[in-house]
């Protein structure tokens, strides 16, 4: 019997190539998704850290404008100006030099 040269024969994808290709594709997409998620998480944490530092500075300036002196401690800002933050997540260093100089405010994310 003669073969038809114009009819395409179906090639079967069997063996390792048929199984490995979808697994590798899915794994690559999953790793890209996790990498993007990690990047978003780091960006969000950096923005929260900057926002906390800005809020403390604004409260200190507000205290200076209303009371005539910068607050002597961070606890004073917490009690009188409503500063709240997660102390397990952030370490805040608040150093006062003089009552008429802006305090040095450093916010560090704990790991």
PDB file of N, CA and C in Angstrom:
ATOM      1  N   UNK A   1       0.831  -1.168   0.000  1.00  0.00           N
ATOM      2  CA  UNK A   1       0.000   0.000   0.000  1.00  0.00           C
ATOM      3  C   UNK A   1       0.883   1.240   0.000  1.00  0.00           C
ATOM      4  N   UNK A   2       0.538   2.212  -0.781  1.00  0.00           N
ATOM      5  CA  UNK A   2       1.349   3.401  -0.964  1.00  0.00           C
ATOM      6  C   UNK A   2       1.008   4.431   0.112  1.00  0.00           C
ATOM      7  N   UNK A   3       2.028   5.153   0.529  1.00  0.00           N
ATOM      8  CA  UNK A   3       1.842   6.217   1.532  1.00  0.00           C
ATOM      9  C   UNK A   3       1.388   7.485   0.851  1.00  0.00           C
ATOM     10  N   UNK A   4       0.546   8.234   1.529  1.00  0.00           N
ATOM     11  CA  UNK A   4       0.114   9.532   1.018  1.00  0.00           C
ATOM     12  C   UNK A   4       1.130  10.565   1.487  1.00  0.00           C
ATOM     13  N   UNK A   5       1.828  11.162   0.545  1.00  0.00           N
ATOM     14  CA  UNK A   5       2.870  12.133   0.890  1.00  0.00           C
ATOM     15  C   UNK A   5       2.305  13.450   1.381  1.00  0.00           C
ATOM     16  N   UNK A   6       1.080  13.768   1.074  1.00  0.00           N
ATOM     17  CA  UNK A   6       0.498  15.060   1.401  1.00  0.00           C
ATOM     18  C   UNK A   6      -0.245  15.082   2.740  1.00  0.00           C
ATOM     19  N   UNK A   7      -0.470  13.959   3.304  1.00  0.00           N
ATOM     20  CA  UNK A   7      -1.161  13.871   4.592  1.00  0.00           C
ATOM     21  C   UNK A   7      -0.121  13.882   5.702  1.00  0.00           C
ATOM     22  N   UNK A   8      -0.314  14.846   6.651  1.00  0.00           N
ATOM     23  CA  UNK A   8       0.638  14.942   7.764  1.00  0.00           C
ATOM     24  C   UNK A   8       0.307  13.882   8.799  1.00  0.00           C
ATOM     25  N   UNK A   9       1.335  13.257   9.261  1.00  0.00           N
ATOM     26  CA  UNK A   9       1.140  12.267  10.314  1.00  0.00           C
ATOM     27  C   UNK A   9       1.250  12.966  11.663  1.00  0.00           C
ATOM     28  N   UNK A  10       0.402  12.578  12.587  1.00  0.00           N
ATOM     29  CA  UNK A  10       0.445  13.162  13.930  1.00  0.00           C
ATOM     30  C   UNK A  10       1.620  12.578  14.688  1.00  0.00           C
ATOM     31  N   UNK A  11       2.369  13.472  15.256  1.00  0.00           N
ATOM     32  CA  UNK A  11       3.490  13.033  16.082  1.00  0.00           C
ATOM     33  C   UNK A  11       3.020  12.988  17.516  1.00  0.00           C
ATOM     34  N   UNK A  12       3.258  11.940  18.169  1.00  0.00           N
ATOM     35  CA  UNK A  12       2.827  11.832  19.568  1.00  0.00           C
ATOM     36  C   UNK A  12       3.949  12.311  20.484  1.00  0.00           C
ATOM     37  N   UNK A  13       3.550  13.133  21.437  1.00  0.00           N
ATOM     38  CA  UNK A  13       4.507  13.641  22.413  1.00  0.00           C
ATOM     39  C   UNK A  13       4.453  12.688  23.593  1.00  0.00           C
ATOM     40  N   UNK A  14       5.419  11.867  23.667  1.00  0.00           N
ATOM     41  CA  UNK A  14       5.438  10.867  24.728  1.00  0.00           C
ATOM     42  C   UNK A  14       6.751  10.950  25.469  1.00  0.00           C
ATOM     43  N   UNK A  15       6.783  10.248  26.531  1.00  0.00           N
ATOM     44  CA  UNK A  15       8.015  10.161  27.286  1.00  0.00           C
ATOM     45  C   UNK A  15       8.233  11.369  28.181  1.00  0.00           C
ATOM     46  N   UNK A  16       9.471  11.636  28.459  1.00  0.00           N
ATOM     47  CA  UNK A  16       9.831  12.714  29.380  1.00  0.00           C
ATOM     48  C   UNK A  16       9.465  14.090  28.847  1.00  0.00           C
ATOM     49  N   UNK A  17       9.573  14.302  27.553  1.00  0.00           N
ATOM     50  CA  UNK A  17       9.305  15.622  26.979  1.00  0.00           C
ATOM     51  C   UNK A  17       7.866  16.054  27.213  1.00  0.00           C
ATOM     52  N   UNK A  18       6.941  15.162  27.164  1.00  0.00           N
ATOM     53  CA  UNK A  18       5.541  15.481  27.366  1.00  0.00           C
ATOM     54  C   UNK A  18       5.205  15.810  28.809  1.00  0.00           C
ATOM     55  N   UNK A  19       5.980  15.329  29.746  1.00  0.00           N
ATOM     56  CA  UNK A  19       5.725  15.565  31.164  1.00  0.00           C
ATOM     57  C   UNK A  19       6.602  16.685  31.722  1.00  0.00           C
ATOM     58  N   UNK A  20       7.843  16.717  31.311  1.00  0.00           N
ATOM     59  CA  UNK A  20       8.802  17.663  31.873  1.00  0.00           C
ATOM     60  C   UNK A  20       8.529  19.098  31.410  1.00  0.00           C
ATOM     61  N   UNK A  21       8.170  19.284  30.168  1.00  0.00           N
ATOM     62  CA  UNK A  21       7.949  20.635  29.638  1.00  0.00           C
ATOM     63  C   UNK A  21       6.864  21.397  30.401  1.00  0.00           C
ATOM     64  N   UNK A  22       5.691  20.834  30.662  1.00  0.00           N
ATOM     65  CA  UNK A  22       4.697  21.566  31.463  1.00  0.00           C
ATOM     66  C   UNK A  22       5.149  21.825  32.899  1.00  0.00           C
ATOM     67  N   UNK A  23       5.845  20.885  33.491  1.00  0.00           N
ATOM     68  CA  UNK A  23       6.316  21.064  34.867  1.00  0.00           C
ATOM     69  C   UNK A  23       7.341  22.178  34.942  1.00  0.00           C
ATOM     70  N   UNK A  24       8.275  22.215  34.004  1.00  0.00           N
ATOM     71  CA  UNK A  24       9.295  23.261  33.981  1.00  0.00           C
ATOM     72  C   UNK A  24       8.648  24.624  33.717  1.00  0.00           C
ATOM     73  N   UNK A  25       7.684  24.667  32.798  1.00  0.00           N
ATOM     74  CA  UNK A  25       6.995  25.932  32.503  1.00  0.00           C
ATOM     75  C   UNK A  25       6.247  26.445  33.729  1.00  0.00           C
ATOM     76  N   UNK A  26       5.509  25.559  34.390  1.00  0.00           N
ATOM     77  CA  UNK A  26       4.764  25.951  35.579  1.00  0.00           C
ATOM     78  C   UNK A  26       5.708  26.411  36.687  1.00  0.00           C
ATOM     79  N   UNK A  27       6.810  25.706  36.887  1.00  0.00           N
ATOM     80  CA  UNK A  27       7.776  26.078  37.925  1.00  0.00           C
ATOM     81  C   UNK A  27       8.382  27.449  37.652  1.00  0.00           C
ATOM     82  N   UNK A  28       8.705  27.720  36.399  1.00  0.00           N
ATOM     83  CA  UNK A  28       9.286  29.024  36.045  1.00  0.00           C
ATOM     84  C   UNK A  28       8.286  30.146  36.309  1.00  0.00           C
ATOM     85  N   UNK A  29       7.035  29.957  35.929  1.00  0.00           N
ATOM     86  CA  UNK A  29       6.006  30.974  36.182  1.00  0.00           C
ATOM     87  C   UNK A  29       5.777  31.169  37.673  1.00  0.00           C
ATOM     88  N   UNK A  30       5.781  30.083  38.426  1.00  0.00           N
ATOM     89  CA  UNK A  30       5.583  30.162  39.870  1.00  0.00           C
ATOM     90  C   UNK A  30       6.732  30.923  40.537  1.00  0.00           C
ATOM     91  N   UNK A  31       7.955  30.684  40.113  1.00  0.00           N
ATOM     92  CA  UNK A  31       9.110  31.395  40.670  1.00  0.00           C
ATOM     93  C   UNK A  31       9.062  32.880  40.328  1.00  0.00           C
ATOM     94  N   UNK A  32       8.625  33.218  39.119  1.00  0.00           N
ATOM     95  CA  UNK A  32       8.467  34.625  38.752  1.00  0.00           C
ATOM     96  C   UNK A  32       7.402  35.296  39.615  1.00  0.00           C
ATOM     97  N   UNK A  33       6.316  34.595  39.894  1.00  0.00           N
ATOM     98  CA  UNK A  33       5.260  35.118  40.748  1.00  0.00           C
ATOM     99  C   UNK A  33       5.781  35.371  42.159  1.00  0.00           C
ATOM    100  N   UNK A  34       6.511  34.405  42.727  1.00  0.00           N
ATOM    101  CA  UNK A  34       7.067  34.573  44.075  1.00  0.00           C
ATOM    102  C   UNK A  34       8.070  35.718  44.133  1.00  0.00           C
ATOM    103  N   UNK A  35       8.875  35.869  43.098  1.00  0.00           N
ATOM    104  CA  UNK A  35       9.850  36.962  43.063  1.00  0.00           C
ATOM    105  C   UNK A  35       9.150  38.313  43.029  1.00  0.00           C
ATOM    106  N   UNK A  36       8.085  38.424  42.242  1.00  0.00           N
ATOM    107  CA  UNK A  36       7.314  39.673  42.193  1.00  0.00           C
ATOM    108  C   UNK A  36       6.637  39.969  43.512  1.00  0.00           C
ATOM    109  N   UNK A  37       6.108  38.941  44.156  1.00  0.00           N
ATOM    110  CA  UNK A  37       5.456  39.107  45.452  1.00  0.00           C
ATOM    111  C   UNK A  37       6.453  39.570  46.512  1.00  0.00           C
ATOM    112  N   UNK A  38       7.645  39.021  46.488  1.00  0.00           N
ATOM    113  CA  UNK A  38       8.690  39.417  47.426  1.00  0.00           C
ATOM    114  C   UNK A  38       9.102  40.865  47.203  1.00  0.00           C
ATOM    115  N   UNK A  39       9.207  41.259  45.954  1.00  0.00           N
ATOM    116  CA  UNK A  39       9.571  42.638  45.628  1.00  0.00           C
ATOM    117  C   UNK A  39       8.518  43.619  46.122  1.00  0.00           C
ATOM    118  N   UNK A  40       7.259  43.287  45.940  1.00  0.00           N
ATOM    119  CA  UNK A  40       6.168  44.152  46.413  1.00  0.00           C
ATOM    120  C   UNK A  40       6.197  44.248  47.930  1.00  0.00           C
ATOM    121  N   UNK A  41       6.462  43.144  48.599  1.00  0.00           N
ATOM    122  CA  UNK A  41       6.511  43.138  50.058  1.00  0.00           C
ATOM    123  C   UNK A  41       7.638  44.035  50.582  1.00  0.00           C
ATOM    124  N   UNK A  42       8.800  43.976  49.947  1.00  0.00           N
ATOM    125  CA  UNK A  42       9.931  44.811  50.370  1.00  0.00           C
ATOM    126  C   UNK A  42       9.633  46.295  50.147  1.00  0.00           C
ATOM    127  N   UNK A  43       9.000  46.605  49.026  1.00  0.00           N
ATOM    128  CA  UNK A  43       8.647  47.990  48.726  1.00  0.00           C
ATOM    129  C   UNK A  43       7.646  48.524  49.743  1.00  0.00           C
ATOM    130  N   UNK A  44       6.656  47.716  50.086  1.00  0.00           N
ATOM    131  CA  UNK A  44       5.644  48.118  51.057  1.00  0.00           C
ATOM    132  C   UNK A  44       6.264  48.354  52.425  1.00  0.00           C
ATOM    133  N   UNK A  45       7.167  47.483  52.836  1.00  0.00           N
ATOM    134  CA  UNK A  45       7.823  47.647  54.133  1.00  0.00           C
ATOM    135  C   UNK A  45       8.654  48.929  54.161  1.00  0.00           C
ATOM    136  N   UNK A  46       9.349  49.231  53.088  1.00  0.00           N
ATOM    137  CA  UNK A  46      10.145  50.461  53.027  1.00  0.00           C
ATOM    138  C   UNK A  46       9.252  51.698  53.095  1.00  0.00           C
ATOM    139  N   UNK A  47       8.098  51.640  52.443  1.00  0.00           N
ATOM    140  CA  UNK A  47       7.167  52.774  52.488  1.00  0.00           C
ATOM    141  C   UNK A  47       6.573  52.943  53.886  1.00  0.00           C
ATOM    142  N   UNK A  48       6.260  51.841  54.564  1.00  0.00           N
ATOM    143  CA  UNK A  48       5.744  51.927  55.926  1.00  0.00           C
ATOM    144  C   UNK A  48       6.783  52.523  56.866  1.00  0.00           C
ATOM    145  N   UNK A  49       8.023  52.144  56.683  1.00  0.00           N
ATOM    146  CA  UNK A  49       9.112  52.658  57.510  1.00  0.00           C
ATOM    147  C   UNK A  49       9.268  54.164  57.301  1.00  0.00           C
ATOM    148  N   UNK A  50       9.251  54.597  56.061  1.00  0.00           N
ATOM    149  CA  UNK A  50       9.369  56.030  55.760  1.00  0.00           C
ATOM    150  C   UNK A  50       8.166  56.799  56.280  1.00  0.00           C
ATOM    151  N   UNK A  51       7.000  56.218  56.194  1.00  0.00           N
ATOM    152  CA  UNK A  51       5.775  56.859  56.686  1.00  0.00           C
ATOM    153  C   UNK A  51       5.810  57.033  58.199  1.00  0.00           C
ATOM    154  N   UNK A  52       6.314  56.031  58.911  1.00  0.00           N
ATOM    155  CA  UNK A  52       6.429  56.140  60.364  1.00  0.00           C
ATOM    156  C   UNK A  52       7.407  57.241  60.750  1.00  0.00           C
ATOM    157  N   UNK A  53       8.550  57.306  60.081  1.00  0.00           N
ATOM    158  CA  UNK A  53       9.537  58.354  60.371  1.00  0.00           C
ATOM    159  C   UNK A  53       8.939  59.740  60.103  1.00  0.00           C
ATOM    160  N   UNK A  54       8.195  59.878  59.010  1.00  0.00           N
ATOM    161  CA  UNK A  54       7.573  61.165  58.685  1.00  0.00           C
ATOM    162  C   UNK A  54       6.513  61.543  59.710  1.00  0.00           C
ATOM    163  N   UNK A  55       5.748  60.563  60.181  1.00  0.00           N
ATOM    164  CA  UNK A  55       4.714  60.837  61.184  1.00  0.00           C
ATOM    165  C   UNK A  55       5.332  61.298  62.502  1.00  0.00           C
ATOM    166  N   UNK A  56       6.427  60.695  62.892  1.00  0.00           N
ATOM    167  CA  UNK A  56       7.102  61.104  64.139  1.00  0.00           C
ATOM    168  C   UNK A  56       7.665  62.511  63.988  1.00  0.00           C
ATOM    169  N   UNK A  57       8.265  62.807  62.830  1.00  0.00           N
ATOM    170  CA  UNK A  57       8.790  64.158  62.592  1.00  0.00           C
ATOM    171  C   UNK A  57       7.671  65.202  62.620  1.00  0.00           C
ATOM    172  N   UNK A  58       6.560  64.906  61.950  1.00  0.00           N
ATOM    173  CA  UNK A  58       5.428  65.843  61.944  1.00  0.00           C
ATOM    174  C   UNK A  58       4.906  66.080  63.353  1.00  0.00           C
ATOM    175  N   UNK A  59       4.823  65.041  64.154  1.00  0.00           N
ATOM    176  CA  UNK A  59       4.343  65.198  65.527  1.00  0.00           C
ATOM    177  C   UNK A  59       5.314  66.025  66.359  1.00  0.00           C
ATOM    178  N   UNK A  60       6.609  65.805  66.149  1.00  0.00           N
ATOM    179  CA  UNK A  60       7.606  66.580  66.885  1.00  0.00           C
ATOM    180  C   UNK A  60       7.538  68.055  66.493  1.00  0.00           C
ATOM    181  N   UNK A  61       7.374  68.344  65.204  1.00  0.00           N
ATOM    182  CA  UNK A  61       7.260  69.733  64.741  1.00  0.00           C
ATOM    183  C   UNK A  61       5.969  70.360  65.259  1.00  0.00           C
ATOM    184  N   UNK A  62       4.897  69.590  65.269  1.00  0.00           N
ATOM    185  CA  UNK A  62       3.626  70.091  65.803  1.00  0.00           C
ATOM    186  C   UNK A  62       3.766  70.431  67.291  1.00  0.00           C
ATOM    187  N   UNK A  63       4.463  69.569  68.018  1.00  0.00           N
ATOM    188  CA  UNK A  63       4.710  69.830  69.442  1.00  0.00           C
ATOM    189  C   UNK A  63       5.526  71.107  69.614  1.00  0.00           C
ATOM    190  N   UNK A  64       6.536  71.289  68.779  1.00  0.00           N
ATOM    191  CA  UNK A  64       7.367  72.492  68.858  1.00  0.00           C
ATOM    192  C   UNK A  64       6.535  73.742  68.562  1.00  0.00           C
ATOM    193  N   UNK A  65       5.630  73.634  67.588  1.00  0.00           N
ATOM    194  CA  UNK A  65       4.808  74.788  67.211  1.00  0.00           C
ATOM    195  C   UNK A  65       3.802  75.144  68.304  1.00  0.00           C
ATOM    196  N   UNK A  66       3.270  74.147  68.979  1.00  0.00           N
ATOM    197  CA  UNK A  66       2.244  74.425  69.992  1.00  0.00           C
ATOM    198  C   UNK A  66       2.816  74.681  71.379  1.00  0.00           C
ATOM    199  N   UNK A  67       3.904  73.987  71.731  1.00  0.00           N
ATOM    200  CA  UNK A  67       4.440  74.086  73.089  1.00  0.00           C
ATOM    201  C   UNK A  67       5.731  74.883  73.175  1.00  0.00           C
ATOM    202  N   UNK A  68       6.370  75.178  72.053  1.00  0.00           N
ATOM    203  CA  UNK A  68       7.585  75.975  72.074  1.00  0.00           C
ATOM    204  C   UNK A  68       8.862  75.183  72.282  1.00  0.00           C
ATOM    205  N   UNK A  69       8.767  73.859  72.368  1.00  0.00           N
ATOM    206  CA  UNK A  69       9.950  73.009  72.537  1.00  0.00           C
ATOM    207  C   UNK A  69       9.659  71.644  71.922  1.00  0.00           C
ATOM    208  N   UNK A  70      10.711  71.016  71.434  1.00  0.00           N
ATOM    209  CA  UNK A  70      10.545  69.662  70.908  1.00  0.00           C
ATOM    210  C   UNK A  70      10.329  68.716  72.082  1.00  0.00           C
ATOM    211  N   UNK A  71       9.601  67.624  71.888  1.00  0.00           N
ATOM    212  CA  UNK A  71       9.355  66.685  72.988  1.00  0.00           C
ATOM    213  C   UNK A  71      10.655  66.053  73.472  1.00  0.00           C
ATOM    214  N   UNK A  72      10.726  65.820  74.760  1.00  0.00           N
ATOM    215  CA  UNK A  72      11.947  65.281  75.362  1.00  0.00           C
ATOM    216  C   UNK A  72      12.136  63.799  75.088  1.00  0.00           C
ATOM    217  N   UNK A  73      11.051  63.099  74.761  1.00  0.00           N
ATOM    218  CA  UNK A  73      11.163  61.660  74.524  1.00  0.00           C
ATOM    219  C   UNK A  73      10.080  61.184  73.563  1.00  0.00           C
ATOM    220  N   UNK A  74      10.281  60.008  73.065  1.00  0.00           N
ATOM    221  CA  UNK A  74       9.301  59.397  72.174  1.00  0.00           C
ATOM    222  C   UNK A  74       8.031  59.039  72.942  1.00  0.00           C
ATOM    223  N   UNK A  75       8.180  58.678  74.197  1.00  0.00           N
ATOM    224  CA  UNK A  75       6.998  58.333  75.001  1.00  0.00           C
ATOM    225  C   UNK A  75       6.071  59.546  75.166  1.00  0.00           C
ATOM    226  N   UNK A  76       6.634  60.755  75.198  1.00  0.00           N
ATOM    227  CA  UNK A  76       5.810  61.963  75.281  1.00  0.00           C
ATOM    228  C   UNK A  76       4.958  62.106  74.018  1.00  0.00           C
ATOM    229  N   UNK A  77       5.559  61.810  72.860  1.00  0.00           N
ATOM    230  CA  UNK A  77       4.807  61.851  71.607  1.00  0.00           C
ATOM    231  C   UNK A  77       3.711  60.782  71.589  1.00  0.00           C
ATOM    232  N   UNK A  78       4.018  59.623  72.144  1.00  0.00           N
ATOM    233  CA  UNK A  78       3.019  58.554  72.199  1.00  0.00           C
ATOM    234  C   UNK A  78       1.834  58.957  73.073  1.00  0.00           C
ATOM    235  N   UNK A  79       2.118  59.549  74.214  1.00  0.00           N
ATOM    236  CA  UNK A  79       1.055  59.907  75.160  1.00  0.00           C
ATOM    237  C   UNK A  79       0.221  61.091  74.693  1.00  0.00           C
ATOM    238  N   UNK A  80       0.870  62.137  74.205  1.00  0.00           N
ATOM    239  CA  UNK A  80       0.168  63.384  73.921  1.00  0.00           C
ATOM    240  C   UNK A  80      -0.183  63.631  72.450  1.00  0.00           C
ATOM    241  N   UNK A  81       0.490  62.960  71.538  1.00  0.00           N
ATOM    242  CA  UNK A  81       0.272  63.238  70.118  1.00  0.00           C
ATOM    243  C   UNK A  81      -0.178  62.008  69.320  1.00  0.00           C
ATOM    244  N   UNK A  82      -0.478  60.921  70.007  1.00  0.00           N
ATOM    245  CA  UNK A  82      -1.097  59.765  69.364  1.00  0.00           C
ATOM    246  C   UNK A  82      -0.224  58.946  68.443  1.00  0.00           C
ATOM    247  N   UNK A  83       1.064  58.952  68.635  1.00  0.00           N
ATOM    248  CA  UNK A  83       1.946  58.122  67.806  1.00  0.00           C
ATOM    249  C   UNK A  83       1.770  56.666  68.236  1.00  0.00           C
ATOM    250  N   UNK A  84       1.443  55.816  67.271  1.00  0.00           N
ATOM    251  CA  UNK A  84       1.291  54.388  67.518  1.00  0.00           C
ATOM    252  C   UNK A  84       2.015  53.644  66.396  1.00  0.00           C
ATOM    253  N   UNK A  85       2.728  52.590  66.767  1.00  0.00           N
ATOM    254  CA  UNK A  85       3.396  51.744  65.783  1.00  0.00           C
ATOM    255  C   UNK A  85       3.648  50.387  66.395  1.00  0.00           C
ATOM    256  N   UNK A  86       3.920  49.417  65.568  1.00  0.00           N
ATOM    257  CA  UNK A  86       4.188  48.052  66.020  1.00  0.00           C
ATOM    258  C   UNK A  86       5.643  47.968  66.485  1.00  0.00           C
ATOM    259  N   UNK A  87       5.828  47.888  67.791  1.00  0.00           N
ATOM    260  CA  UNK A  87       7.189  47.871  68.351  1.00  0.00           C
ATOM    261  C   UNK A  87       7.917  46.563  68.062  1.00  0.00           C
ATOM    262  N   UNK A  88       7.188  45.519  67.717  1.00  0.00           N
ATOM    263  CA  UNK A  88       7.824  44.261  67.341  1.00  0.00           C
ATOM    264  C   UNK A  88       8.374  44.335  65.915  1.00  0.00           C
ATOM    265  N   UNK A  89       7.820  45.244  65.116  1.00  0.00           N
ATOM    266  CA  UNK A  89       8.213  45.356  63.716  1.00  0.00           C
ATOM    267  C   UNK A  89       9.246  46.449  63.466  1.00  0.00           C
ATOM    268  N   UNK A  90       9.192  47.537  64.268  1.00  0.00           N
ATOM    269  CA  UNK A  90      10.094  48.671  64.051  1.00  0.00           C
ATOM    270  C   UNK A  90      10.787  49.078  65.338  1.00  0.00           C
ATOM    271  N   UNK A  91      12.033  49.485  65.204  1.00  0.00           N
ATOM    272  CA  UNK A  91      12.805  50.063  66.294  1.00  0.00           C
ATOM    273  C   UNK A  91      12.972  51.543  65.980  1.00  0.00           C
ATOM    274  N   UNK A  92      12.539  52.396  66.907  1.00  0.00           N
ATOM    275  CA  UNK A  92      12.629  53.842  66.688  1.00  0.00           C
ATOM    276  C   UNK A  92      13.659  54.412  67.650  1.00  0.00           C
ATOM    277  N   UNK A  93      14.653  55.095  67.090  1.00  0.00           N
ATOM    278  CA  UNK A  93      15.674  55.776  67.894  1.00  0.00           C
ATOM    279  C   UNK A  93      15.355  57.274  67.847  1.00  0.00           C
ATOM    280  N   UNK A  94      15.108  57.851  69.007  1.00  0.00           N
ATOM    281  CA  UNK A  94      14.713  59.257  69.115  1.00  0.00           C
ATOM    282  C   UNK A  94      15.720  59.945  70.026  1.00  0.00           C
ATOM    283  N   UNK A  95      16.632  60.712  69.443  1.00  0.00           N
ATOM    284  CA  UNK A  95      17.686  61.366  70.217  1.00  0.00           C
ATOM    285  C   UNK A  95      17.468  62.873  70.247  1.00  0.00           C
ATOM    286  N   UNK A  96      17.400  63.421  71.454  1.00  0.00           N
ATOM    287  CA  UNK A  96      17.186  64.856  71.649  1.00  0.00           C
ATOM    288  C   UNK A  96      18.500  65.495  72.079  1.00  0.00           C
ATOM    289  N   UNK A  97      18.866  66.600  71.414  1.00  0.00           N
ATOM    290  CA  UNK A  97      20.080  67.336  71.770  1.00  0.00           C
ATOM    291  C   UNK A  97      19.741  68.533  72.651  1.00  0.00           C
ATOM    292  N   UNK A  98      18.724  69.259  72.264  1.00  0.00           N
ATOM    293  CA  UNK A  98      18.280  70.430  73.016  1.00  0.00           C
ATOM    294  C   UNK A  98      16.807  70.642  72.707  1.00  0.00           C
ATOM    295  N   UNK A  99      16.127  71.375  73.544  1.00  0.00           N
ATOM    296  CA  UNK A  99      14.687  71.554  73.357  1.00  0.00           C
ATOM    297  C   UNK A  99      14.343  72.411  72.143  1.00  0.00           C
ATOM    298  N   UNK A 100      15.338  73.162  71.639  1.00  0.00           N
ATOM    299  CA  UNK A 100      15.060  74.009  70.471  1.00  0.00           C
ATOM    300  C   UNK A 100      15.654  73.460  69.170  1.00  0.00           C
ATOM    301  N   UNK A 101      16.257  72.265  69.203  1.00  0.00           N
ATOM    302  CA  UNK A 101      16.806  71.623  68.007  1.00  0.00           C
ATOM    303  C   UNK A 101      15.996  70.375  67.662  1.00  0.00           C
ATOM    304  N   UNK A 102      15.776  70.194  66.376  1.00  0.00           N
ATOM    305  CA  UNK A 102      15.011  69.022  65.919  1.00  0.00           C
ATOM    306  C   UNK A 102      15.718  67.741  66.343  1.00  0.00           C
ATOM    307  N   UNK A 103      14.991  66.836  66.975  1.00  0.00           N
ATOM    308  CA  UNK A 103      15.617  65.560  67.395  1.00  0.00           C
ATOM    309  C   UNK A 103      16.001  64.695  66.192  1.00  0.00           C
ATOM    310  N   UNK A 104      16.966  63.843  66.414  1.00  0.00           N
ATOM    311  CA  UNK A 104      17.390  62.891  65.397  1.00  0.00           C
ATOM    312  C   UNK A 104      16.460  61.674  65.488  1.00  0.00           C
ATOM    313  N   UNK A 105      15.756  61.366  64.402  1.00  0.00           N
ATOM    314  CA  UNK A 105      14.786  60.288  64.392  1.00  0.00           C
ATOM    315  C   UNK A 105      15.236  59.234  63.390  1.00  0.00           C
ATOM    316  N   UNK A 106      15.402  57.993  63.862  1.00  0.00           N
ATOM    317  CA  UNK A 106      15.800  56.887  63.015  1.00  0.00           C
ATOM    318  C   UNK A 106      14.816  55.743  63.218  1.00  0.00           C
ATOM    319  N   UNK A 107      14.288  55.225  62.128  1.00  0.00           N
ATOM    320  CA  UNK A 107      13.369  54.087  62.180  1.00  0.00           C
ATOM    321  C   UNK A 107      14.036  52.921  61.462  1.00  0.00           C
ATOM    322  N   UNK A 108      14.147  51.796  62.171  1.00  0.00           N
ATOM    323  CA  UNK A 108      14.793  50.604  61.619  1.00  0.00           C
ATOM    324  C   UNK A 108      13.798  49.447  61.686  1.00  0.00           C
ATOM    325  N   UNK A 109      13.663  48.728  60.587  1.00  0.00           N
ATOM    326  CA  UNK A 109      12.781  47.564  60.544  1.00  0.00           C
ATOM    327  C   UNK A 109      13.485  46.378  61.198  1.00  0.00           C
ATOM    328  N   UNK A 110      12.759  45.725  62.104  1.00  0.00           N
ATOM    329  CA  UNK A 110      13.302  44.515  62.729  1.00  0.00           C
ATOM    330  C   UNK A 110      13.014  43.339  61.813  1.00  0.00           C
ATOM    331  N   UNK A 111      13.933  42.381  61.818  1.00  0.00           N
ATOM    332  CA  UNK A 111      13.727  41.214  60.961  1.00  0.00           C
ATOM    333  C   UNK A 111      13.269  40.024  61.744  1.00  0.00           C
TER     334      UNK A 111
END
